[in-house]
Amino acid sequence: MPMIQRLTAAILLLLAASWSPAAQAAGCAIGKPGETVRVAVPGTERSVVIHMPAGRADRPAPLVFLFHGSGGNGLGALEHAKLATTADRYGFIVVAPDGGIPITSRNFVWNIPGVPAVTGRMPTATDADDVAFVLATIDWLTAQRCADRTRVYATGISGGGRLSSWLGCVAADRFAAIAPVVGLRAGNPLAADKTHPDPATCRPSRPMPVLAFAGDADTTNPIAGGGAPYWQYPMTAAEARWADLNGCRKPLARREVSAKIYEEGYTACRKGADVRARVTIGGPHDWVVDNDAMWAFFAAHRRR
């Protein structure tokens, strides 16, 4: 083989090695396997709690954002949801940020347009942009060769469920699926008829797979609707709106998952973006989630 061909082949081999999964993972130096750490996100003034999976593989891992409820914090949400245990079992990263609007030094709410804080104050232009922060965190973790940008997911409880829903509306190009907990929305209530979501407030750029969790005894965000002014429409209305957005053609017959859990929703959706809801009979306003089922849903979806 001529010298120039040998040199070209060597360069190509070096390039291939530098972009191999093992080489990409070599750059991930955030935490140790199985460790939960708080890390500052470069380029921002904020930090996140990150749990690195115990069985971290030699390639960028799936990334699950876990958003706390109104008045909570990231570490508390991680401990309450016990999602780190699931992450260790299946090998995904969990990122649990604090909301951008502080109530105290340890309690936060999310900046979601049209949704007031627990204090009753509406977000303003001077409040932190939580969507921009989440997207910056994704960019940083993928640049560090820790996370796989095609497998990024969002879940959260109550206010964190609303944020997960909002990210599905405004950042569908960055998330492969969402799983709101006691907080599924599809935009703000319609001003003229609050029993329905306002189509103008949720216009995702692509179909978004949705798996929602709820309890039918939830009095904070009732699945039948009502509650706070920003809640109002029933969860079934949110499911139906996501089904419209995803082009779903077939309602799912109610299916009993167990003695106390049933599933409903829609299938035959564009690009496999099914809309499903799991409801716990007698379930309160809490983390009414089978974490294994949530991960199975996430794992079935990858952003192209």
C-alpha atoms as a PDB file:
ATOM      1  CA  MET A   1       0.000   0.000   0.000  1.00  0.00           C
ATOM      2  CA  PRO A   2       1.421   3.434  -0.937  1.00  0.00           C
ATOM      3  CA  MET A   3       2.524   5.678   1.930  1.00  0.00           C
ATOM      4  CA  ILE A   4      -0.312   8.189   1.409  1.00  0.00           C
ATOM      5  CA  GLN A   5      -2.917   5.407   1.521  1.00  0.00           C
ATOM      6  CA  ARG A   6      -1.391   3.951   4.684  1.00  0.00           C
ATOM      7  CA  LEU A   7      -1.406   7.411   6.283  1.00  0.00           C
ATOM      8  CA  THR A   8      -5.012   8.029   5.269  1.00  0.00           C
ATOM      9  CA  ALA A   9      -6.079   4.637   6.644  1.00  0.00           C
ATOM     10  CA  ALA A  10      -4.297   5.357   9.922  1.00  0.00           C
ATOM     11  CA  ILE A  11      -6.044   8.718  10.268  1.00  0.00           C
ATOM     12  CA  LEU A  12      -9.414   7.126   9.570  1.00  0.00           C
ATOM     13  CA  LEU A  13      -8.756   4.474  12.213  1.00  0.00           C
ATOM     14  CA  LEU A  14      -7.818   7.149  14.743  1.00  0.00           C
ATOM     15  CA  LEU A  15     -10.952   9.135  13.950  1.00  0.00           C
ATOM     16  CA  ALA A  16     -13.112   6.032  14.271  1.00  0.00           C
ATOM     17  CA  ALA A  17     -11.558   5.247  17.619  1.00  0.00           C
ATOM     18  CA  SER A  18     -12.060   8.780  18.862  1.00  0.00           C
ATOM     19  CA  TRP A  19     -15.782   8.565  18.093  1.00  0.00           C
ATOM     20  CA  SER A  20     -16.325   5.030  19.347  1.00  0.00           C
ATOM     21  CA  PRO A  21     -18.734   4.517  22.277  1.00  0.00           C
ATOM     22  CA  ALA A  22     -15.861   3.640  24.595  1.00  0.00           C
ATOM     23  CA  ALA A  23     -13.951   6.787  23.699  1.00  0.00           C
ATOM     24  CA  GLN A  24     -17.012   8.969  24.110  1.00  0.00           C
ATOM     25  CA  ALA A  25     -17.709   7.521  27.553  1.00  0.00           C
ATOM     26  CA  ALA A  26     -14.083   8.088  28.530  1.00  0.00           C
ATOM     27  CA  GLY A  27     -14.810  11.801  28.661  1.00  0.00           C
ATOM     28  CA  CYS A  28     -17.563  11.400  31.279  1.00  0.00           C
ATOM     29  CA  ALA A  29     -15.954  12.308  34.566  1.00  0.00           C
ATOM     30  CA  ILE A  30     -19.062  13.316  36.511  1.00  0.00           C
ATOM     31  CA  GLY A  31     -19.426  11.296  39.682  1.00  0.00           C
ATOM     32  CA  LYS A  32     -18.663   7.648  40.259  1.00  0.00           C
ATOM     33  CA  PRO A  33     -20.903   4.701  39.350  1.00  0.00           C
ATOM     34  CA  GLY A  34     -23.802   4.569  41.787  1.00  0.00           C
ATOM     35  CA  GLU A  35     -22.979   8.014  43.230  1.00  0.00           C
ATOM     36  CA  THR A  36     -25.342  10.962  43.742  1.00  0.00           C
ATOM     37  CA  VAL A  37     -23.591  14.328  43.499  1.00  0.00           C
ATOM     38  CA  ARG A  38     -24.492  18.005  43.170  1.00  0.00           C
ATOM     39  CA  VAL A  39     -22.716  19.630  40.241  1.00  0.00           C
ATOM     40  CA  ALA A  40     -22.651  23.202  38.960  1.00  0.00           C
ATOM     41  CA  VAL A  41     -23.754  23.521  35.332  1.00  0.00           C
ATOM     42  CA  PRO A  42     -21.134  25.569  33.457  1.00  0.00           C
ATOM     43  CA  GLY A  43     -22.421  28.727  31.819  1.00  0.00           C
ATOM     44  CA  THR A  44     -25.262  29.060  34.320  1.00  0.00           C
ATOM     45  CA  GLU A  45     -25.524  30.145  37.941  1.00  0.00           C
ATOM     46  CA  ARG A  46     -27.300  26.949  38.930  1.00  0.00           C
ATOM     47  CA  SER A  47     -26.525  23.383  39.921  1.00  0.00           C
ATOM     48  CA  VAL A  48     -28.240  20.022  39.643  1.00  0.00           C
ATOM     49  CA  VAL A  49     -28.330  16.817  41.639  1.00  0.00           C
ATOM     50  CA  ILE A  50     -27.103  13.953  39.436  1.00  0.00           C
ATOM     51  CA  HIS A  51     -27.251  10.234  40.085  1.00  0.00           C
ATOM     52  CA  MET A  52     -24.852   8.229  37.948  1.00  0.00           C
ATOM     53  CA  PRO A  53     -25.996   4.600  37.485  1.00  0.00           C
ATOM     54  CA  ALA A  54     -24.102   1.871  39.291  1.00  0.00           C
ATOM     55  CA  GLY A  55     -23.828  -0.192  36.123  1.00  0.00           C
ATOM     56  CA  ARG A  56     -22.642   2.662  33.917  1.00  0.00           C
ATOM     57  CA  ALA A  57     -21.642   1.253  30.526  1.00  0.00           C
ATOM     58  CA  ASP A  58     -18.780   2.364  28.284  1.00  0.00           C
ATOM     59  CA  ARG A  59     -21.048   4.595  26.213  1.00  0.00           C
ATOM     60  CA  PRO A  60     -23.275   7.665  26.742  1.00  0.00           C
ATOM     61  CA  ALA A  61     -26.283   6.713  28.850  1.00  0.00           C
ATOM     62  CA  PRO A  62     -29.987   7.579  28.656  1.00  0.00           C
ATOM     63  CA  LEU A  63     -30.888  10.683  30.673  1.00  0.00           C
ATOM     64  CA  VAL A  64     -34.025  11.129  32.813  1.00  0.00           C
ATOM     65  CA  PHE A  65     -34.930  14.523  34.267  1.00  0.00           C
ATOM     66  CA  LEU A  66     -36.859  14.333  37.530  1.00  0.00           C
ATOM     67  CA  PHE A  67     -38.676  17.553  38.473  1.00  0.00           C
ATOM     68  CA  HIS A  68     -39.833  18.137  42.058  1.00  0.00           C
ATOM     69  CA  GLY A  69     -43.269  19.372  43.068  1.00  0.00           C
ATOM     70  CA  SER A  70     -44.023  23.005  43.909  1.00  0.00           C
ATOM     71  CA  GLY A  71     -42.195  23.990  47.063  1.00  0.00           C
ATOM     72  CA  GLY A  72     -39.796  21.053  46.888  1.00  0.00           C
ATOM     73  CA  ASN A  73     -36.225  20.524  45.729  1.00  0.00           C
ATOM     74  CA  GLY A  74     -34.314  18.140  43.506  1.00  0.00           C
ATOM     75  CA  LEU A  75     -32.648  16.042  46.180  1.00  0.00           C
ATOM     76  CA  GLY A  76     -35.943  15.576  48.020  1.00  0.00           C
ATOM     77  CA  ALA A  77     -37.637  14.452  44.813  1.00  0.00           C
ATOM     78  CA  LEU A  78     -34.882  11.943  44.078  1.00  0.00           C
ATOM     79  CA  GLU A  79     -35.137  10.456  47.556  1.00  0.00           C
ATOM     80  CA  HIS A  80     -38.938  10.332  47.503  1.00  0.00           C
ATOM     81  CA  ALA A  81     -39.288   8.823  44.014  1.00  0.00           C
ATOM     82  CA  LYS A  82     -36.548   6.229  44.629  1.00  0.00           C
ATOM     83  CA  LEU A  83     -35.611   6.626  40.984  1.00  0.00           C
ATOM     84  CA  ALA A  84     -31.898   6.143  41.716  1.00  0.00           C
ATOM     85  CA  THR A  85     -32.547   2.477  42.474  1.00  0.00           C
ATOM     86  CA  THR A  86     -34.277   2.086  39.107  1.00  0.00           C
ATOM     87  CA  ALA A  87     -31.443   3.959  37.395  1.00  0.00           C
ATOM     88  CA  ASP A  88     -28.891   1.553  38.884  1.00  0.00           C
ATOM     89  CA  ARG A  89     -30.937  -1.405  37.671  1.00  0.00           C
ATOM     90  CA  TYR A  90     -31.294  -0.192  34.077  1.00  0.00           C
ATOM     91  CA  GLY A  91     -28.288   2.063  33.570  1.00  0.00           C
ATOM     92  CA  PHE A  92     -29.682   5.562  33.062  1.00  0.00           C
ATOM     93  CA  ILE A  93     -28.642   8.917  34.523  1.00  0.00           C
ATOM     94  CA  VAL A  94     -31.080  10.867  36.716  1.00  0.00           C
ATOM     95  CA  VAL A  95     -30.845  14.657  36.888  1.00  0.00           C
ATOM     96  CA  ALA A  96     -32.917  16.376  39.589  1.00  0.00           C
ATOM     97  CA  PRO A  97     -32.673  20.184  39.395  1.00  0.00           C
ATOM     98  CA  ASP A  98     -34.135  22.792  41.734  1.00  0.00           C
ATOM     99  CA  GLY A  99     -36.803  25.091  40.312  1.00  0.00           C
ATOM    100  CA  GLY A 100     -35.793  28.534  39.123  1.00  0.00           C
ATOM    101  CA  ILE A 101     -38.045  30.491  41.480  1.00  0.00           C
ATOM    102  CA  PRO A 102     -36.916  30.223  45.129  1.00  0.00           C
ATOM    103  CA  ILE A 103     -39.416  30.405  47.985  1.00  0.00           C
ATOM    104  CA  THR A 104     -36.772  29.737  50.642  1.00  0.00           C
ATOM    105  CA  SER A 105     -33.157  28.600  50.400  1.00  0.00           C
ATOM    106  CA  ARG A 106     -34.387  24.986  50.159  1.00  0.00           C
ATOM    107  CA  ASN A 107     -37.796  25.289  48.498  1.00  0.00           C
ATOM    108  CA  PHE A 108     -38.457  26.123  44.863  1.00  0.00           C
ATOM    109  CA  VAL A 109     -41.110  26.328  42.154  1.00  0.00           C
ATOM    110  CA  TRP A 110     -40.870  26.079  38.377  1.00  0.00           C
ATOM    111  CA  ASN A 111     -41.251  28.941  35.948  1.00  0.00           C
ATOM    112  CA  ILE A 112     -44.149  27.749  33.796  1.00  0.00           C
ATOM    113  CA  PRO A 113     -45.961  30.453  31.804  1.00  0.00           C
ATOM    114  CA  GLY A 114     -49.479  31.032  33.110  1.00  0.00           C
ATOM    115  CA  VAL A 115     -48.926  28.977  36.273  1.00  0.00           C
ATOM    116  CA  PRO A 116     -48.527  30.941  39.531  1.00  0.00           C
ATOM    117  CA  ALA A 117     -46.156  29.955  42.297  1.00  0.00           C
ATOM    118  CA  VAL A 118     -47.575  28.490  45.499  1.00  0.00           C
ATOM    119  CA  THR A 119     -47.399  32.021  46.865  1.00  0.00           C
ATOM    120  CA  GLY A 120     -49.895  33.091  44.198  1.00  0.00           C
ATOM    121  CA  ARG A 121     -47.350  35.210  42.300  1.00  0.00           C
ATOM    122  CA  MET A 122     -47.201  34.762  38.533  1.00  0.00           C
ATOM    123  CA  PRO A 123     -43.760  34.288  36.928  1.00  0.00           C
ATOM    124  CA  THR A 124     -42.196  37.440  35.519  1.00  0.00           C
ATOM    125  CA  ALA A 125     -39.584  38.215  32.877  1.00  0.00           C
ATOM    126  CA  THR A 126     -36.974  38.568  35.618  1.00  0.00           C
ATOM    127  CA  ASP A 127     -37.460  35.006  36.874  1.00  0.00           C
ATOM    128  CA  ALA A 128     -35.056  32.262  35.810  1.00  0.00           C
ATOM    129  CA  ASP A 129     -35.873  30.558  32.497  1.00  0.00           C
ATOM    130  CA  ASP A 130     -36.259  26.919  33.532  1.00  0.00           C
ATOM    131  CA  VAL A 131     -36.673  25.618  29.987  1.00  0.00           C
ATOM    132  CA  ALA A 132     -33.421  27.266  28.886  1.00  0.00           C
ATOM    133  CA  PHE A 133     -31.658  25.849  31.954  1.00  0.00           C
ATOM    134  CA  VAL A 134     -32.879  22.307  31.276  1.00  0.00           C
ATOM    135  CA  LEU A 135     -31.759  22.502  27.647  1.00  0.00           C
ATOM    136  CA  ALA A 136     -28.363  23.881  28.712  1.00  0.00           C
ATOM    137  CA  THR A 137     -27.998  20.941  31.101  1.00  0.00           C
ATOM    138  CA  ILE A 138     -28.736  18.498  28.268  1.00  0.00           C
ATOM    139  CA  ASP A 139     -26.135  20.188  26.062  1.00  0.00           C
ATOM    140  CA  TRP A 140     -23.531  20.099  28.833  1.00  0.00           C
ATOM    141  CA  LEU A 141     -24.064  16.421  29.702  1.00  0.00           C
ATOM    142  CA  THR A 142     -23.913  15.373  26.057  1.00  0.00           C
ATOM    143  CA  ALA A 143     -20.803  17.498  25.490  1.00  0.00           C
ATOM    144  CA  GLN A 144     -19.240  15.711  28.482  1.00  0.00           C
ATOM    145  CA  ARG A 145     -19.999  12.426  26.697  1.00  0.00           C
ATOM    146  CA  CYS A 146     -22.135  11.284  29.623  1.00  0.00           C
ATOM    147  CA  ALA A 147     -25.618  11.409  28.096  1.00  0.00           C
ATOM    148  CA  ASP A 148     -27.114  10.158  24.844  1.00  0.00           C
ATOM    149  CA  ARG A 149     -28.974  13.111  23.322  1.00  0.00           C
ATOM    150  CA  THR A 150     -31.343  10.772  21.460  1.00  0.00           C
ATOM    151  CA  ARG A 151     -32.581   9.257  24.747  1.00  0.00           C
ATOM    152  CA  VAL A 152     -33.551  12.176  26.981  1.00  0.00           C
ATOM    153  CA  TYR A 153     -36.766  11.908  29.015  1.00  0.00           C
ATOM    154  CA  ALA A 154     -38.731  14.002  31.510  1.00  0.00           C
ATOM    155  CA  THR A 155     -40.820  13.123  34.526  1.00  0.00           C
ATOM    156  CA  GLY A 156     -41.871  14.988  37.645  1.00  0.00           C
ATOM    157  CA  ILE A 157     -44.540  15.219  40.305  1.00  0.00           C
ATOM    158  CA  SER A 158     -47.323  17.827  40.507  1.00  0.00           C
ATOM    159  CA  GLY A 159     -45.660  21.119  39.497  1.00  0.00           C
ATOM    160  CA  GLY A 160     -42.854  18.984  38.102  1.00  0.00           C
ATOM    161  CA  GLY A 161     -45.451  17.067  36.105  1.00  0.00           C
ATOM    162  CA  ARG A 162     -46.653  20.343  34.653  1.00  0.00           C
ATOM    163  CA  LEU A 163     -43.068  21.234  33.742  1.00  0.00           C
ATOM    164  CA  SER A 164     -42.623  17.826  32.076  1.00  0.00           C
ATOM    165  CA  SER A 165     -45.806  18.495  30.108  1.00  0.00           C
ATOM    166  CA  TRP A 166     -44.603  21.994  29.200  1.00  0.00           C
ATOM    167  CA  LEU A 167     -41.289  20.635  27.908  1.00  0.00           C
ATOM    168  CA  GLY A 168     -43.297  18.260  25.721  1.00  0.00           C
ATOM    169  CA  CYS A 169     -45.083  21.318  24.323  1.00  0.00           C
ATOM    170  CA  VAL A 170     -42.104  23.625  23.758  1.00  0.00           C
ATOM    171  CA  ALA A 171     -39.044  21.349  23.516  1.00  0.00           C
ATOM    172  CA  ALA A 172     -40.317  18.241  21.736  1.00  0.00           C
ATOM    173  CA  ASP A 173     -37.205  18.258  19.563  1.00  0.00           C
ATOM    174  CA  ARG A 174     -35.062  17.543  22.641  1.00  0.00           C
ATOM    175  CA  PHE A 175     -37.072  14.870  24.480  1.00  0.00           C
ATOM    176  CA  ALA A 176     -37.879  11.334  23.385  1.00  0.00           C
ATOM    177  CA  ALA A 177     -40.843  10.897  25.792  1.00  0.00           C
ATOM    178  CA  ILE A 178     -42.430  12.404  28.905  1.00  0.00           C
ATOM    179  CA  ALA A 179     -44.116  10.833  31.957  1.00  0.00           C
ATOM    180  CA  PRO A 180     -45.833  13.474  34.148  1.00  0.00           C
ATOM    181  CA  VAL A 181     -46.992  12.340  37.612  1.00  0.00           C
ATOM    182  CA  VAL A 182     -50.212  13.827  39.068  1.00  0.00           C
ATOM    183  CA  GLY A 183     -49.634  16.743  36.717  1.00  0.00           C
ATOM    184  CA  LEU A 184     -50.372  15.921  33.059  1.00  0.00           C
ATOM    185  CA  ARG A 185     -51.271  19.044  31.088  1.00  0.00           C
ATOM    186  CA  ALA A 186     -51.539  19.951  27.413  1.00  0.00           C
ATOM    187  CA  GLY A 187     -51.282  23.712  27.739  1.00  0.00           C
ATOM    188  CA  ASN A 188     -53.133  26.181  29.945  1.00  0.00           C
ATOM    189  CA  PRO A 189     -56.937  26.113  30.359  1.00  0.00           C
ATOM    190  CA  LEU A 190     -58.850  27.786  27.552  1.00  0.00           C
ATOM    191  CA  ALA A 191     -60.019  31.218  28.720  1.00  0.00           C
ATOM    192  CA  ALA A 192     -63.488  30.798  27.201  1.00  0.00           C
ATOM    193  CA  ASP A 193     -63.949  27.230  28.479  1.00  0.00           C
ATOM    194  CA  LYS A 194     -61.614  26.117  31.226  1.00  0.00           C
ATOM    195  CA  THR A 195     -62.755  22.495  30.884  1.00  0.00           C
ATOM    196  CA  HIS A 196     -60.542  22.256  27.781  1.00  0.00           C
ATOM    197  CA  PRO A 197     -56.861  23.055  27.115  1.00  0.00           C
ATOM    198  CA  ASP A 198     -55.998  26.077  24.969  1.00  0.00           C
ATOM    199  CA  PRO A 199     -54.485  24.739  21.707  1.00  0.00           C
ATOM    200  CA  ALA A 200     -52.445  27.923  21.285  1.00  0.00           C
ATOM    201  CA  THR A 201     -50.460  27.166  24.447  1.00  0.00           C
ATOM    202  CA  CYS A 202     -49.142  23.754  23.388  1.00  0.00           C
ATOM    203  CA  ARG A 203     -47.767  23.327  19.882  1.00  0.00           C
ATOM    204  CA  PRO A 204     -45.048  20.659  19.900  1.00  0.00           C
ATOM    205  CA  SER A 205     -42.778  20.402  16.873  1.00  0.00           C
ATOM    206  CA  ARG A 206     -43.222  16.630  16.642  1.00  0.00           C
ATOM    207  CA  PRO A 207     -45.329  13.824  18.151  1.00  0.00           C
ATOM    208  CA  MET A 208     -44.503  13.321  21.833  1.00  0.00           C
ATOM    209  CA  PRO A 209     -44.988   9.907  23.514  1.00  0.00           C
ATOM    210  CA  VAL A 210     -46.784  10.397  26.839  1.00  0.00           C
ATOM    211  CA  LEU A 211     -47.250   8.144  29.854  1.00  0.00           C
ATOM    212  CA  ALA A 212     -49.084   9.880  32.710  1.00  0.00           C
ATOM    213  CA  PHE A 213     -49.567   8.647  36.268  1.00  0.00           C
ATOM    214  CA  ALA A 214     -52.343   9.809  38.593  1.00  0.00           C
ATOM    215  CA  GLY A 215     -54.444   8.878  41.596  1.00  0.00           C
ATOM    216  CA  ASP A 216     -58.224   9.142  41.434  1.00  0.00           C
ATOM    217  CA  ALA A 217     -58.343  10.397  45.053  1.00  0.00           C
ATOM    218  CA  ASP A 218     -56.033  13.335  44.298  1.00  0.00           C
ATOM    219  CA  THR A 219     -57.678  16.486  45.705  1.00  0.00           C
ATOM    220  CA  THR A 220     -54.828  18.839  44.708  1.00  0.00           C
ATOM    221  CA  ASN A 221     -54.874  18.166  40.956  1.00  0.00           C
ATOM    222  CA  PRO A 222     -58.183  16.262  40.591  1.00  0.00           C
ATOM    223  CA  ILE A 223     -58.261  13.984  37.570  1.00  0.00           C
ATOM    224  CA  ALA A 224     -61.898  15.032  37.039  1.00  0.00           C
ATOM    225  CA  GLY A 225     -60.878  18.681  36.767  1.00  0.00           C
ATOM    226  CA  GLY A 226     -61.479  21.734  38.928  1.00  0.00           C
ATOM    227  CA  GLY A 227     -58.949  22.614  41.591  1.00  0.00           C
ATOM    228  CA  ALA A 228     -56.685  25.626  41.151  1.00  0.00           C
ATOM    229  CA  PRO A 229     -57.403  28.121  38.325  1.00  0.00           C
ATOM    230  CA  TYR A 230     -54.428  26.861  36.313  1.00  0.00           C
ATOM    231  CA  TRP A 231     -55.625  23.230  36.596  1.00  0.00           C
ATOM    232  CA  GLN A 232     -59.360  23.091  35.758  1.00  0.00           C
ATOM    233  CA  TYR A 233     -59.672  20.704  32.816  1.00  0.00           C
ATOM    234  CA  PRO A 234     -59.800  16.935  33.523  1.00  0.00           C
ATOM    235  CA  MET A 235     -56.871  14.652  32.833  1.00  0.00           C
ATOM    236  CA  THR A 236     -58.872  12.906  30.118  1.00  0.00           C
ATOM    237  CA  ALA A 237     -59.024  16.247  28.272  1.00  0.00           C
ATOM    238  CA  ALA A 238     -55.228  16.455  28.446  1.00  0.00           C
ATOM    239  CA  GLU A 239     -54.956  12.893  27.133  1.00  0.00           C
ATOM    240  CA  ALA A 240     -57.337  13.674  24.271  1.00  0.00           C
ATOM    241  CA  ARG A 241     -55.408  16.810  23.318  1.00  0.00           C
ATOM    242  CA  TRP A 242     -52.090  14.953  23.239  1.00  0.00           C
ATOM    243  CA  ALA A 243     -53.791  12.274  21.148  1.00  0.00           C
ATOM    244  CA  ASP A 244     -54.869  14.976  18.668  1.00  0.00           C
ATOM    245  CA  LEU A 245     -51.369  16.438  18.597  1.00  0.00           C
ATOM    246  CA  ASN A 246     -49.859  12.979  18.032  1.00  0.00           C
ATOM    247  CA  GLY A 247     -52.363  11.983  15.374  1.00  0.00           C
ATOM    248  CA  CYS A 248     -53.630   8.988  17.340  1.00  0.00           C
ATOM    249  CA  ARG A 249     -56.367   7.030  15.584  1.00  0.00           C
ATOM    250  CA  LYS A 250     -57.478   4.501  18.178  1.00  0.00           C
ATOM    251  CA  PRO A 251     -58.677   4.913  21.785  1.00  0.00           C
ATOM    252  CA  LEU A 252     -57.449   2.189  24.119  1.00  0.00           C
ATOM    253  CA  ALA A 253     -60.043   0.180  25.971  1.00  0.00           C
ATOM    254  CA  ARG A 254     -59.622   0.532  29.729  1.00  0.00           C
ATOM    255  CA  ARG A 255     -57.235  -2.192  30.908  1.00  0.00           C
ATOM    256  CA  GLU A 256     -56.865  -3.414  34.468  1.00  0.00           C
ATOM    257  CA  VAL A 257     -53.144  -3.502  35.204  1.00  0.00           C
ATOM    258  CA  SER A 258     -53.734  -4.769  38.736  1.00  0.00           C
ATOM    259  CA  ALA A 259     -56.488  -4.768  41.350  1.00  0.00           C
ATOM    260  CA  LYS A 260     -55.865  -1.061  42.017  1.00  0.00           C
ATOM    261  CA  ILE A 261     -54.426   0.286  38.763  1.00  0.00           C
ATOM    262  CA  TYR A 262     -56.025   0.739  35.358  1.00  0.00           C
ATOM    263  CA  GLU A 263     -54.647   2.095  32.105  1.00  0.00           C
ATOM    264  CA  GLU A 264     -56.373   4.165  29.422  1.00  0.00           C
ATOM    265  CA  GLY A 265     -55.290   6.321  26.490  1.00  0.00           C
ATOM    266  CA  TYR A 266     -54.722   6.228  22.747  1.00  0.00           C
ATOM    267  CA  THR A 267     -52.664   4.226  20.271  1.00  0.00           C
ATOM    268  CA  ALA A 268     -52.019   3.976  16.513  1.00  0.00           C
ATOM    269  CA  CYS A 269     -50.313   7.369  16.762  1.00  0.00           C
ATOM    270  CA  ARG A 270     -47.857   9.014  14.398  1.00  0.00           C
ATOM    271  CA  LYS A 271     -44.298   7.747  14.831  1.00  0.00           C
ATOM    272  CA  GLY A 272     -45.403   5.430  17.622  1.00  0.00           C
ATOM    273  CA  ALA A 273     -46.151   8.329  19.985  1.00  0.00           C
ATOM    274  CA  ASP A 274     -48.837   6.636  22.071  1.00  0.00           C
ATOM    275  CA  VAL A 275     -50.629   8.487  24.867  1.00  0.00           C
ATOM    276  CA  ARG A 276     -51.247   6.404  27.974  1.00  0.00           C
ATOM    277  CA  ALA A 277     -52.379   7.093  31.533  1.00  0.00           C
ATOM    278  CA  ARG A 278     -52.092   4.813  34.560  1.00  0.00           C
ATOM    279  CA  VAL A 279     -54.525   5.634  37.335  1.00  0.00           C
ATOM    280  CA  THR A 280     -54.250   4.286  40.870  1.00  0.00           C
ATOM    281  CA  ILE A 281     -57.673   3.690  42.439  1.00  0.00           C
ATOM    282  CA  GLY A 282     -57.714   5.551  45.744  1.00  0.00           C
ATOM    283  CA  GLY A 283     -54.308   7.032  44.931  1.00  0.00           C
ATOM    284  CA  PRO A 284     -53.493  10.416  46.510  1.00  0.00           C
ATOM    285  CA  HIS A 285     -51.498  13.399  45.271  1.00  0.00           C
ATOM    286  CA  ASP A 286     -48.203  11.524  45.477  1.00  0.00           C
ATOM    287  CA  TRP A 287     -45.639   9.505  43.511  1.00  0.00           C
ATOM    288  CA  VAL A 288     -48.160   6.890  42.353  1.00  0.00           C
ATOM    289  CA  VAL A 289     -45.675   5.314  39.959  1.00  0.00           C
ATOM    290  CA  ASP A 290     -44.364   1.896  39.022  1.00  0.00           C
ATOM    291  CA  ASN A 291     -40.799   3.022  38.243  1.00  0.00           C
ATOM    292  CA  ASP A 292     -40.085  -0.116  36.226  1.00  0.00           C
ATOM    293  CA  ALA A 293     -43.132   0.537  34.028  1.00  0.00           C
ATOM    294  CA  MET A 294     -42.067   4.149  33.547  1.00  0.00           C
ATOM    295  CA  TRP A 295     -38.602   3.121  32.440  1.00  0.00           C
ATOM    296  CA  ALA A 296     -39.992   0.436  30.105  1.00  0.00           C
ATOM    297  CA  PHE A 297     -42.039   3.165  28.398  1.00  0.00           C
ATOM    298  CA  PHE A 298     -39.058   5.502  28.150  1.00  0.00           C
ATOM    299  CA  ALA A 299     -36.762   2.760  26.868  1.00  0.00           C
ATOM    300  CA  ALA A 300     -39.160   2.030  23.998  1.00  0.00           C
ATOM    301  CA  HIS A 301     -38.651   5.551  22.588  1.00  0.00           C
ATOM    302  CA  ARG A 302     -35.621   7.178  21.053  1.00  0.00           C
ATOM    303  CA  ARG A 303     -35.559  10.571  19.357  1.00  0.00           C
ATOM    304  CA  ARG A 304     -34.463  10.330  15.753  1.00  0.00           C
END
